[in-house]
């Protein structure tokens, strides 16, 4: 019975993210166009329609992924709050990956959501307090900030985005889950998978339609969950 509210929350979130994903890809407003004034009665009607309509394939994928994440998290002894955050995090990442794959862009709404969810969930994991400072992690975060500054300066010089702002938000939202040298491992694995994805896309893409752009977020996301799984299994089998 105690899982009823979290599961219902996951259901509603999956419905909402399905709606956001489909309309973002179609380049349509989620609720009202910019020229329309906000009508709260229409907004409520719109929300009711979103939450009561049937799932399509996108909605089913998001919902099943979120439910599975919640169940796995609970089964390994995590709290309901943390498990719900994990489900919301995966749902948002999956929705953003679909956007990135279809349009090569991501809604900043989702990048900010992942950033906030990541900070909240990692805070539960590490129980941050002012008396514990990990030197290796501090050095890693400083290095990352310097890298981002370098990327920003380079983007301004060549007048072209090297890494999208939304990708950076996702990176930060995921990096906070790691400590020490795992931070570097996450960046390296993300880049390697990004290169592999790009080569695979070039291989199957029509030569006349090839572009320098490619969806980088799926590579970041795969690296994120691969490394977290590795850390969990390493901790489980070594007892650390």
C-alpha atoms as a PDB file:
ATOM      1  CA  UNK A   1       0.000   0.000   0.000  1.00  0.00           C
ATOM      2  CA  UNK A   2       2.904   2.379   0.769  1.00  0.00           C
ATOM      3  CA  UNK A   3       4.061   2.101  -2.856  1.00  0.00           C
ATOM      4  CA  UNK A   4       0.697   3.164  -4.293  1.00  0.00           C
ATOM      5  CA  UNK A   5       1.388   6.925  -4.294  1.00  0.00           C
ATOM      6  CA  UNK A   6       4.908   6.592  -5.794  1.00  0.00           C
ATOM      7  CA  UNK A   7       3.608   4.276  -8.531  1.00  0.00           C
ATOM      8  CA  UNK A   8       0.740   6.651  -9.316  1.00  0.00           C
ATOM      9  CA  UNK A   9       3.256   9.522  -9.448  1.00  0.00           C
ATOM     10  CA  UNK A  10       5.368   7.536 -11.930  1.00  0.00           C
ATOM     11  CA  UNK A  11       2.251   6.891 -14.015  1.00  0.00           C
ATOM     12  CA  UNK A  12       1.378  10.613 -14.174  1.00  0.00           C
ATOM     13  CA  UNK A  13       4.984  11.597 -14.892  1.00  0.00           C
ATOM     14  CA  UNK A  14       5.167   9.081 -17.757  1.00  0.00           C
ATOM     15  CA  UNK A  15       1.991  10.517 -19.254  1.00  0.00           C
ATOM     16  CA  UNK A  16       3.341  14.058 -18.991  1.00  0.00           C
ATOM     17  CA  UNK A  17       6.755  13.206 -20.437  1.00  0.00           C
ATOM     18  CA  UNK A  18       5.128  11.347 -23.310  1.00  0.00           C
ATOM     19  CA  UNK A  19       3.123  14.487 -24.084  1.00  0.00           C
ATOM     20  CA  UNK A  20       6.186  16.755 -23.850  1.00  0.00           C
ATOM     21  CA  UNK A  21       8.315  14.456 -26.018  1.00  0.00           C
ATOM     22  CA  UNK A  22       5.788  14.061 -28.818  1.00  0.00           C
ATOM     23  CA  UNK A  23       4.963  17.772 -29.048  1.00  0.00           C
ATOM     24  CA  UNK A  24       8.612  18.841 -28.843  1.00  0.00           C
ATOM     25  CA  UNK A  25       9.441  16.574 -31.782  1.00  0.00           C
ATOM     26  CA  UNK A  26       6.444  17.944 -33.674  1.00  0.00           C
ATOM     27  CA  UNK A  27       7.562  21.515 -32.790  1.00  0.00           C
ATOM     28  CA  UNK A  28       4.191  22.327 -31.212  1.00  0.00           C
ATOM     29  CA  UNK A  29       3.426  24.151 -27.950  1.00  0.00           C
ATOM     30  CA  UNK A  30       2.869  21.918 -24.932  1.00  0.00           C
ATOM     31  CA  UNK A  31      -0.212  23.778 -23.739  1.00  0.00           C
ATOM     32  CA  UNK A  32      -0.648  27.238 -25.291  1.00  0.00           C
ATOM     33  CA  UNK A  33       1.061  29.100 -28.100  1.00  0.00           C
ATOM     34  CA  UNK A  34       3.057  32.219 -27.207  1.00  0.00           C
ATOM     35  CA  UNK A  35       0.287  34.427 -28.576  1.00  0.00           C
ATOM     36  CA  UNK A  36      -2.366  32.825 -26.363  1.00  0.00           C
ATOM     37  CA  UNK A  37      -3.057  34.055 -22.864  1.00  0.00           C
ATOM     38  CA  UNK A  38      -3.080  31.419 -20.130  1.00  0.00           C
ATOM     39  CA  UNK A  39      -6.579  30.176 -19.418  1.00  0.00           C
ATOM     40  CA  UNK A  40      -6.464  28.053 -16.263  1.00  0.00           C
ATOM     41  CA  UNK A  41      -9.707  26.294 -17.068  1.00  0.00           C
ATOM     42  CA  UNK A  42      -8.334  25.244 -20.459  1.00  0.00           C
ATOM     43  CA  UNK A  43      -5.066  24.281 -18.792  1.00  0.00           C
ATOM     44  CA  UNK A  44      -6.887  21.949 -16.398  1.00  0.00           C
ATOM     45  CA  UNK A  45      -8.842  20.467 -19.298  1.00  0.00           C
ATOM     46  CA  UNK A  46      -5.609  19.976 -21.208  1.00  0.00           C
ATOM     47  CA  UNK A  47      -3.935  18.273 -18.256  1.00  0.00           C
ATOM     48  CA  UNK A  48      -6.958  16.018 -17.775  1.00  0.00           C
ATOM     49  CA  UNK A  49      -6.735  15.034 -21.448  1.00  0.00           C
ATOM     50  CA  UNK A  50      -2.991  14.320 -21.129  1.00  0.00           C
ATOM     51  CA  UNK A  51      -3.378  12.135 -18.046  1.00  0.00           C
ATOM     52  CA  UNK A  52      -6.392  10.170 -19.287  1.00  0.00           C
ATOM     53  CA  UNK A  53      -5.460   9.407 -22.889  1.00  0.00           C
ATOM     54  CA  UNK A  54      -4.045   6.002 -23.770  1.00  0.00           C
ATOM     55  CA  UNK A  55      -0.319   5.317 -23.851  1.00  0.00           C
ATOM     56  CA  UNK A  56       1.397   5.063 -27.211  1.00  0.00           C
ATOM     57  CA  UNK A  57       4.739   3.272 -27.770  1.00  0.00           C
ATOM     58  CA  UNK A  58       6.727   6.236 -26.419  1.00  0.00           C
ATOM     59  CA  UNK A  59       4.596   6.426 -23.291  1.00  0.00           C
ATOM     60  CA  UNK A  60       4.792   2.672 -22.708  1.00  0.00           C
ATOM     61  CA  UNK A  61       8.601   2.742 -23.039  1.00  0.00           C
ATOM     62  CA  UNK A  62       8.936   5.603 -20.544  1.00  0.00           C
ATOM     63  CA  UNK A  63       6.442   4.065 -18.104  1.00  0.00           C
ATOM     64  CA  UNK A  64       7.913   0.541 -18.132  1.00  0.00           C
ATOM     65  CA  UNK A  65      11.451   1.907 -17.773  1.00  0.00           C
ATOM     66  CA  UNK A  66      10.422   4.047 -14.803  1.00  0.00           C
ATOM     67  CA  UNK A  67       8.501   1.236 -13.086  1.00  0.00           C
ATOM     68  CA  UNK A  68      11.404  -1.183 -13.596  1.00  0.00           C
ATOM     69  CA  UNK A  69      13.858   1.330 -12.147  1.00  0.00           C
ATOM     70  CA  UNK A  70      11.648   1.878  -9.104  1.00  0.00           C
ATOM     71  CA  UNK A  71      11.229  -1.876  -8.523  1.00  0.00           C
ATOM     72  CA  UNK A  72      14.972  -2.577  -8.859  1.00  0.00           C
ATOM     73  CA  UNK A  73      15.873   0.303  -6.562  1.00  0.00           C
ATOM     74  CA  UNK A  74      13.418  -0.876  -3.891  1.00  0.00           C
ATOM     75  CA  UNK A  75      14.609  -4.488  -4.230  1.00  0.00           C
ATOM     76  CA  UNK A  76      18.237  -3.544  -3.430  1.00  0.00           C
ATOM     77  CA  UNK A  77      17.194  -1.726  -0.275  1.00  0.00           C
ATOM     78  CA  UNK A  78      16.898   1.899  -1.387  1.00  0.00           C
ATOM     79  CA  UNK A  79      14.290   4.187   0.174  1.00  0.00           C
ATOM     80  CA  UNK A  80      11.007   5.038  -1.517  1.00  0.00           C
ATOM     81  CA  UNK A  81      12.080   8.679  -1.930  1.00  0.00           C
ATOM     82  CA  UNK A  82      15.363   7.731  -3.586  1.00  0.00           C
ATOM     83  CA  UNK A  83      13.690   5.103  -5.786  1.00  0.00           C
ATOM     84  CA  UNK A  84      11.140   7.664  -6.944  1.00  0.00           C
ATOM     85  CA  UNK A  85      13.930  10.125  -7.760  1.00  0.00           C
ATOM     86  CA  UNK A  86      15.729   7.403  -9.731  1.00  0.00           C
ATOM     87  CA  UNK A  87      12.559   6.694 -11.717  1.00  0.00           C
ATOM     88  CA  UNK A  88      11.986  10.375 -12.450  1.00  0.00           C
ATOM     89  CA  UNK A  89      15.643  10.751 -13.454  1.00  0.00           C
ATOM     90  CA  UNK A  90      15.554   7.824 -15.874  1.00  0.00           C
ATOM     91  CA  UNK A  91      12.206   8.941 -17.336  1.00  0.00           C
ATOM     92  CA  UNK A  92      13.548  12.436 -17.985  1.00  0.00           C
ATOM     93  CA  UNK A  93      16.791  11.125 -19.487  1.00  0.00           C
ATOM     94  CA  UNK A  94      14.916   8.687 -21.738  1.00  0.00           C
ATOM     95  CA  UNK A  95      12.512  11.398 -22.914  1.00  0.00           C
ATOM     96  CA  UNK A  96      15.444  13.728 -23.660  1.00  0.00           C
ATOM     97  CA  UNK A  97      17.300  10.967 -25.549  1.00  0.00           C
ATOM     98  CA  UNK A  98      14.285  10.468 -27.803  1.00  0.00           C
ATOM     99  CA  UNK A  99      14.166  14.221 -28.451  1.00  0.00           C
ATOM    100  CA  UNK A 100      17.892  14.329 -29.180  1.00  0.00           C
ATOM    101  CA  UNK A 101      17.723  11.356 -31.542  1.00  0.00           C
ATOM    102  CA  UNK A 102      14.748  12.751 -33.453  1.00  0.00           C
ATOM    103  CA  UNK A 103      15.629  16.451 -33.602  1.00  0.00           C
ATOM    104  CA  UNK A 104      19.289  16.831 -32.492  1.00  0.00           C
ATOM    105  CA  UNK A 105      18.031  19.211 -29.798  1.00  0.00           C
ATOM    106  CA  UNK A 106      16.806  18.861 -26.210  1.00  0.00           C
ATOM    107  CA  UNK A 107      14.244  20.857 -24.272  1.00  0.00           C
ATOM    108  CA  UNK A 108      16.033  22.850 -21.561  1.00  0.00           C
ATOM    109  CA  UNK A 109      13.121  22.050 -19.260  1.00  0.00           C
ATOM    110  CA  UNK A 110      14.337  18.444 -19.140  1.00  0.00           C
ATOM    111  CA  UNK A 111      18.011  19.367 -18.790  1.00  0.00           C
ATOM    112  CA  UNK A 112      17.200  21.496 -15.741  1.00  0.00           C
ATOM    113  CA  UNK A 113      14.986  18.725 -14.358  1.00  0.00           C
ATOM    114  CA  UNK A 114      17.811  16.183 -14.650  1.00  0.00           C
ATOM    115  CA  UNK A 115      20.251  18.642 -13.082  1.00  0.00           C
ATOM    116  CA  UNK A 116      17.956  19.124 -10.055  1.00  0.00           C
ATOM    117  CA  UNK A 117      17.073  15.418  -9.742  1.00  0.00           C
ATOM    118  CA  UNK A 118      20.739  14.471  -9.985  1.00  0.00           C
ATOM    119  CA  UNK A 119      21.755  16.848  -7.204  1.00  0.00           C
ATOM    120  CA  UNK A 120      18.898  15.638  -4.960  1.00  0.00           C
ATOM    121  CA  UNK A 121      19.575  11.933  -5.556  1.00  0.00           C
ATOM    122  CA  UNK A 122      23.352  12.250  -5.151  1.00  0.00           C
ATOM    123  CA  UNK A 123      22.785  14.195  -1.945  1.00  0.00           C
ATOM    124  CA  UNK A 124      20.902  11.178  -0.584  1.00  0.00           C
ATOM    125  CA  UNK A 125      23.702   8.830  -1.723  1.00  0.00           C
ATOM    126  CA  UNK A 126      26.635  10.727  -0.285  1.00  0.00           C
ATOM    127  CA  UNK A 127      24.837  12.591   2.563  1.00  0.00           C
ATOM    128  CA  UNK A 128      26.868  15.714   1.854  1.00  0.00           C
ATOM    129  CA  UNK A 129      28.069  17.644   4.862  1.00  0.00           C
ATOM    130  CA  UNK A 130      30.544  20.450   5.417  1.00  0.00           C
ATOM    131  CA  UNK A 131      32.921  18.229   7.421  1.00  0.00           C
ATOM    132  CA  UNK A 132      33.678  15.742   4.624  1.00  0.00           C
ATOM    133  CA  UNK A 133      35.702  16.849   1.648  1.00  0.00           C
ATOM    134  CA  UNK A 134      36.956  14.409  -0.964  1.00  0.00           C
ATOM    135  CA  UNK A 135      40.180  15.894  -2.377  1.00  0.00           C
ATOM    136  CA  UNK A 136      40.120  13.731  -5.504  1.00  0.00           C
ATOM    137  CA  UNK A 137      36.536  14.752  -6.282  1.00  0.00           C
ATOM    138  CA  UNK A 138      37.334  18.418  -5.661  1.00  0.00           C
ATOM    139  CA  UNK A 139      40.255  18.279  -8.110  1.00  0.00           C
ATOM    140  CA  UNK A 140      38.049  16.473 -10.632  1.00  0.00           C
ATOM    141  CA  UNK A 141      35.272  19.073 -10.381  1.00  0.00           C
ATOM    142  CA  UNK A 142      37.761  21.935 -10.770  1.00  0.00           C
ATOM    143  CA  UNK A 143      39.159  20.203 -13.859  1.00  0.00           C
ATOM    144  CA  UNK A 144      35.664  19.833 -15.286  1.00  0.00           C
ATOM    145  CA  UNK A 145      34.907  23.522 -14.725  1.00  0.00           C
ATOM    146  CA  UNK A 146      38.115  24.435 -16.554  1.00  0.00           C
ATOM    147  CA  UNK A 147      37.167  22.102 -19.423  1.00  0.00           C
ATOM    148  CA  UNK A 148      33.724  23.713 -19.714  1.00  0.00           C
ATOM    149  CA  UNK A 149      35.335  27.171 -19.724  1.00  0.00           C
ATOM    150  CA  UNK A 150      37.666  26.016 -22.509  1.00  0.00           C
ATOM    151  CA  UNK A 151      34.741  24.640 -24.505  1.00  0.00           C
ATOM    152  CA  UNK A 152      32.811  27.892 -24.048  1.00  0.00           C
ATOM    153  CA  UNK A 153      35.762  30.024 -25.193  1.00  0.00           C
ATOM    154  CA  UNK A 154      36.430  27.745 -28.170  1.00  0.00           C
ATOM    155  CA  UNK A 155      32.738  27.901 -29.143  1.00  0.00           C
ATOM    156  CA  UNK A 156      32.858  31.696 -29.132  1.00  0.00           C
ATOM    157  CA  UNK A 157      36.053  31.754 -31.207  1.00  0.00           C
ATOM    158  CA  UNK A 158      34.795  29.422 -33.947  1.00  0.00           C
ATOM    159  CA  UNK A 159      31.213  30.765 -33.560  1.00  0.00           C
ATOM    160  CA  UNK A 160      29.770  27.279 -33.343  1.00  0.00           C
ATOM    161  CA  UNK A 161      28.544  25.177 -30.436  1.00  0.00           C
ATOM    162  CA  UNK A 162      31.007  22.393 -29.628  1.00  0.00           C
ATOM    163  CA  UNK A 163      28.770  20.962 -26.936  1.00  0.00           C
ATOM    164  CA  UNK A 164      25.143  21.965 -26.451  1.00  0.00           C
ATOM    165  CA  UNK A 165      24.128  23.786 -23.289  1.00  0.00           C
ATOM    166  CA  UNK A 166      21.568  21.092 -22.517  1.00  0.00           C
ATOM    167  CA  UNK A 167      24.258  18.408 -22.855  1.00  0.00           C
ATOM    168  CA  UNK A 168      26.340  20.294 -20.285  1.00  0.00           C
ATOM    169  CA  UNK A 169      23.397  20.361 -17.855  1.00  0.00           C
ATOM    170  CA  UNK A 170      22.918  16.622 -18.294  1.00  0.00           C
ATOM    171  CA  UNK A 171      26.633  16.041 -17.752  1.00  0.00           C
ATOM    172  CA  UNK A 172      26.580  17.968 -14.477  1.00  0.00           C
ATOM    173  CA  UNK A 173      23.346  16.300 -13.344  1.00  0.00           C
ATOM    174  CA  UNK A 174      24.992  12.902 -13.850  1.00  0.00           C
ATOM    175  CA  UNK A 175      28.540  13.698 -12.714  1.00  0.00           C
ATOM    176  CA  UNK A 176      27.364  14.489  -9.173  1.00  0.00           C
ATOM    177  CA  UNK A 177      26.618  10.758  -8.745  1.00  0.00           C
ATOM    178  CA  UNK A 178      30.331   9.937  -8.913  1.00  0.00           C
ATOM    179  CA  UNK A 179      33.297  10.566  -6.683  1.00  0.00           C
ATOM    180  CA  UNK A 180      37.056  10.674  -7.256  1.00  0.00           C
ATOM    181  CA  UNK A 181      38.460   9.173 -10.420  1.00  0.00           C
ATOM    182  CA  UNK A 182      35.087   7.751 -11.421  1.00  0.00           C
ATOM    183  CA  UNK A 183      34.306  11.289 -12.580  1.00  0.00           C
ATOM    184  CA  UNK A 184      37.089  11.085 -15.160  1.00  0.00           C
ATOM    185  CA  UNK A 185      35.978   7.564 -16.103  1.00  0.00           C
ATOM    186  CA  UNK A 186      32.473   8.861 -16.800  1.00  0.00           C
ATOM    187  CA  UNK A 187      33.749  11.619 -19.090  1.00  0.00           C
ATOM    188  CA  UNK A 188      36.117   9.275 -20.956  1.00  0.00           C
ATOM    189  CA  UNK A 189      33.473   6.555 -21.457  1.00  0.00           C
ATOM    190  CA  UNK A 190      30.938   9.176 -22.622  1.00  0.00           C
ATOM    191  CA  UNK A 191      33.369  10.532 -25.203  1.00  0.00           C
ATOM    192  CA  UNK A 192      34.336   7.061 -26.441  1.00  0.00           C
ATOM    193  CA  UNK A 193      30.698   6.040 -26.814  1.00  0.00           C
ATOM    194  CA  UNK A 194      29.974   9.370 -28.526  1.00  0.00           C
ATOM    195  CA  UNK A 195      32.703   8.659 -31.092  1.00  0.00           C
ATOM    196  CA  UNK A 196      31.361   5.109 -31.578  1.00  0.00           C
ATOM    197  CA  UNK A 197      27.801   6.420 -32.059  1.00  0.00           C
ATOM    198  CA  UNK A 198      29.019   9.014 -34.562  1.00  0.00           C
ATOM    199  CA  UNK A 199      30.931   6.402 -36.573  1.00  0.00           C
ATOM    200  CA  UNK A 200      27.909   4.091 -36.549  1.00  0.00           C
ATOM    201  CA  UNK A 201      25.603   6.893 -37.701  1.00  0.00           C
ATOM    202  CA  UNK A 202      28.013   7.833 -40.509  1.00  0.00           C
ATOM    203  CA  UNK A 203      28.097   4.197 -41.561  1.00  0.00           C
ATOM    204  CA  UNK A 204      24.332   3.837 -41.945  1.00  0.00           C
ATOM    205  CA  UNK A 205      23.518   7.431 -42.955  1.00  0.00           C
ATOM    206  CA  UNK A 206      22.957   8.437 -46.566  1.00  0.00           C
ATOM    207  CA  UNK A 207      26.134  10.087 -47.886  1.00  0.00           C
ATOM    208  CA  UNK A 208      24.112  13.021 -49.251  1.00  0.00           C
ATOM    209  CA  UNK A 209      22.526  13.665 -45.850  1.00  0.00           C
ATOM    210  CA  UNK A 210      25.620  13.467 -43.635  1.00  0.00           C
ATOM    211  CA  UNK A 211      26.074  16.313 -41.150  1.00  0.00           C
ATOM    212  CA  UNK A 212      28.530  17.110 -38.378  1.00  0.00           C
ATOM    213  CA  UNK A 213      25.695  16.928 -35.822  1.00  0.00           C
ATOM    214  CA  UNK A 214      24.764  13.771 -33.957  1.00  0.00           C
ATOM    215  CA  UNK A 215      22.788  12.941 -30.794  1.00  0.00           C
ATOM    216  CA  UNK A 216      25.378  12.948 -27.984  1.00  0.00           C
ATOM    217  CA  UNK A 217      22.986  12.501 -25.061  1.00  0.00           C
ATOM    218  CA  UNK A 218      22.392   8.743 -25.646  1.00  0.00           C
ATOM    219  CA  UNK A 219      26.155   8.214 -25.320  1.00  0.00           C
ATOM    220  CA  UNK A 220      26.276  10.231 -22.069  1.00  0.00           C
ATOM    221  CA  UNK A 221      23.274   8.341 -20.684  1.00  0.00           C
ATOM    222  CA  UNK A 222      24.627   4.902 -21.583  1.00  0.00           C
ATOM    223  CA  UNK A 223      27.976   5.758 -19.978  1.00  0.00           C
ATOM    224  CA  UNK A 224      26.163   7.029 -16.876  1.00  0.00           C
ATOM    225  CA  UNK A 225      24.197   3.834 -16.249  1.00  0.00           C
ATOM    226  CA  UNK A 226      27.020   1.522 -17.334  1.00  0.00           C
ATOM    227  CA  UNK A 227      29.408   3.100 -14.825  1.00  0.00           C
ATOM    228  CA  UNK A 228      26.829   3.114 -12.033  1.00  0.00           C
ATOM    229  CA  UNK A 229      26.127  -0.574 -12.675  1.00  0.00           C
ATOM    230  CA  UNK A 230      29.868  -1.299 -12.599  1.00  0.00           C
ATOM    231  CA  UNK A 231      30.273   0.558  -9.279  1.00  0.00           C
ATOM    232  CA  UNK A 232      27.302  -1.285  -7.762  1.00  0.00           C
ATOM    233  CA  UNK A 233      28.523  -4.727  -8.874  1.00  0.00           C
ATOM    234  CA  UNK A 234      32.072  -3.956  -7.732  1.00  0.00           C
ATOM    235  CA  UNK A 235      30.776  -2.874  -4.340  1.00  0.00           C
ATOM    236  CA  UNK A 236      28.468  -5.897  -4.078  1.00  0.00           C
ATOM    237  CA  UNK A 237      31.104  -8.521  -4.885  1.00  0.00           C
ATOM    238  CA  UNK A 238      33.979  -6.915  -2.989  1.00  0.00           C
ATOM    239  CA  UNK A 239      31.880  -5.897   0.005  1.00  0.00           C
ATOM    240  CA  UNK A 240      33.222  -2.332  -0.057  1.00  0.00           C
END
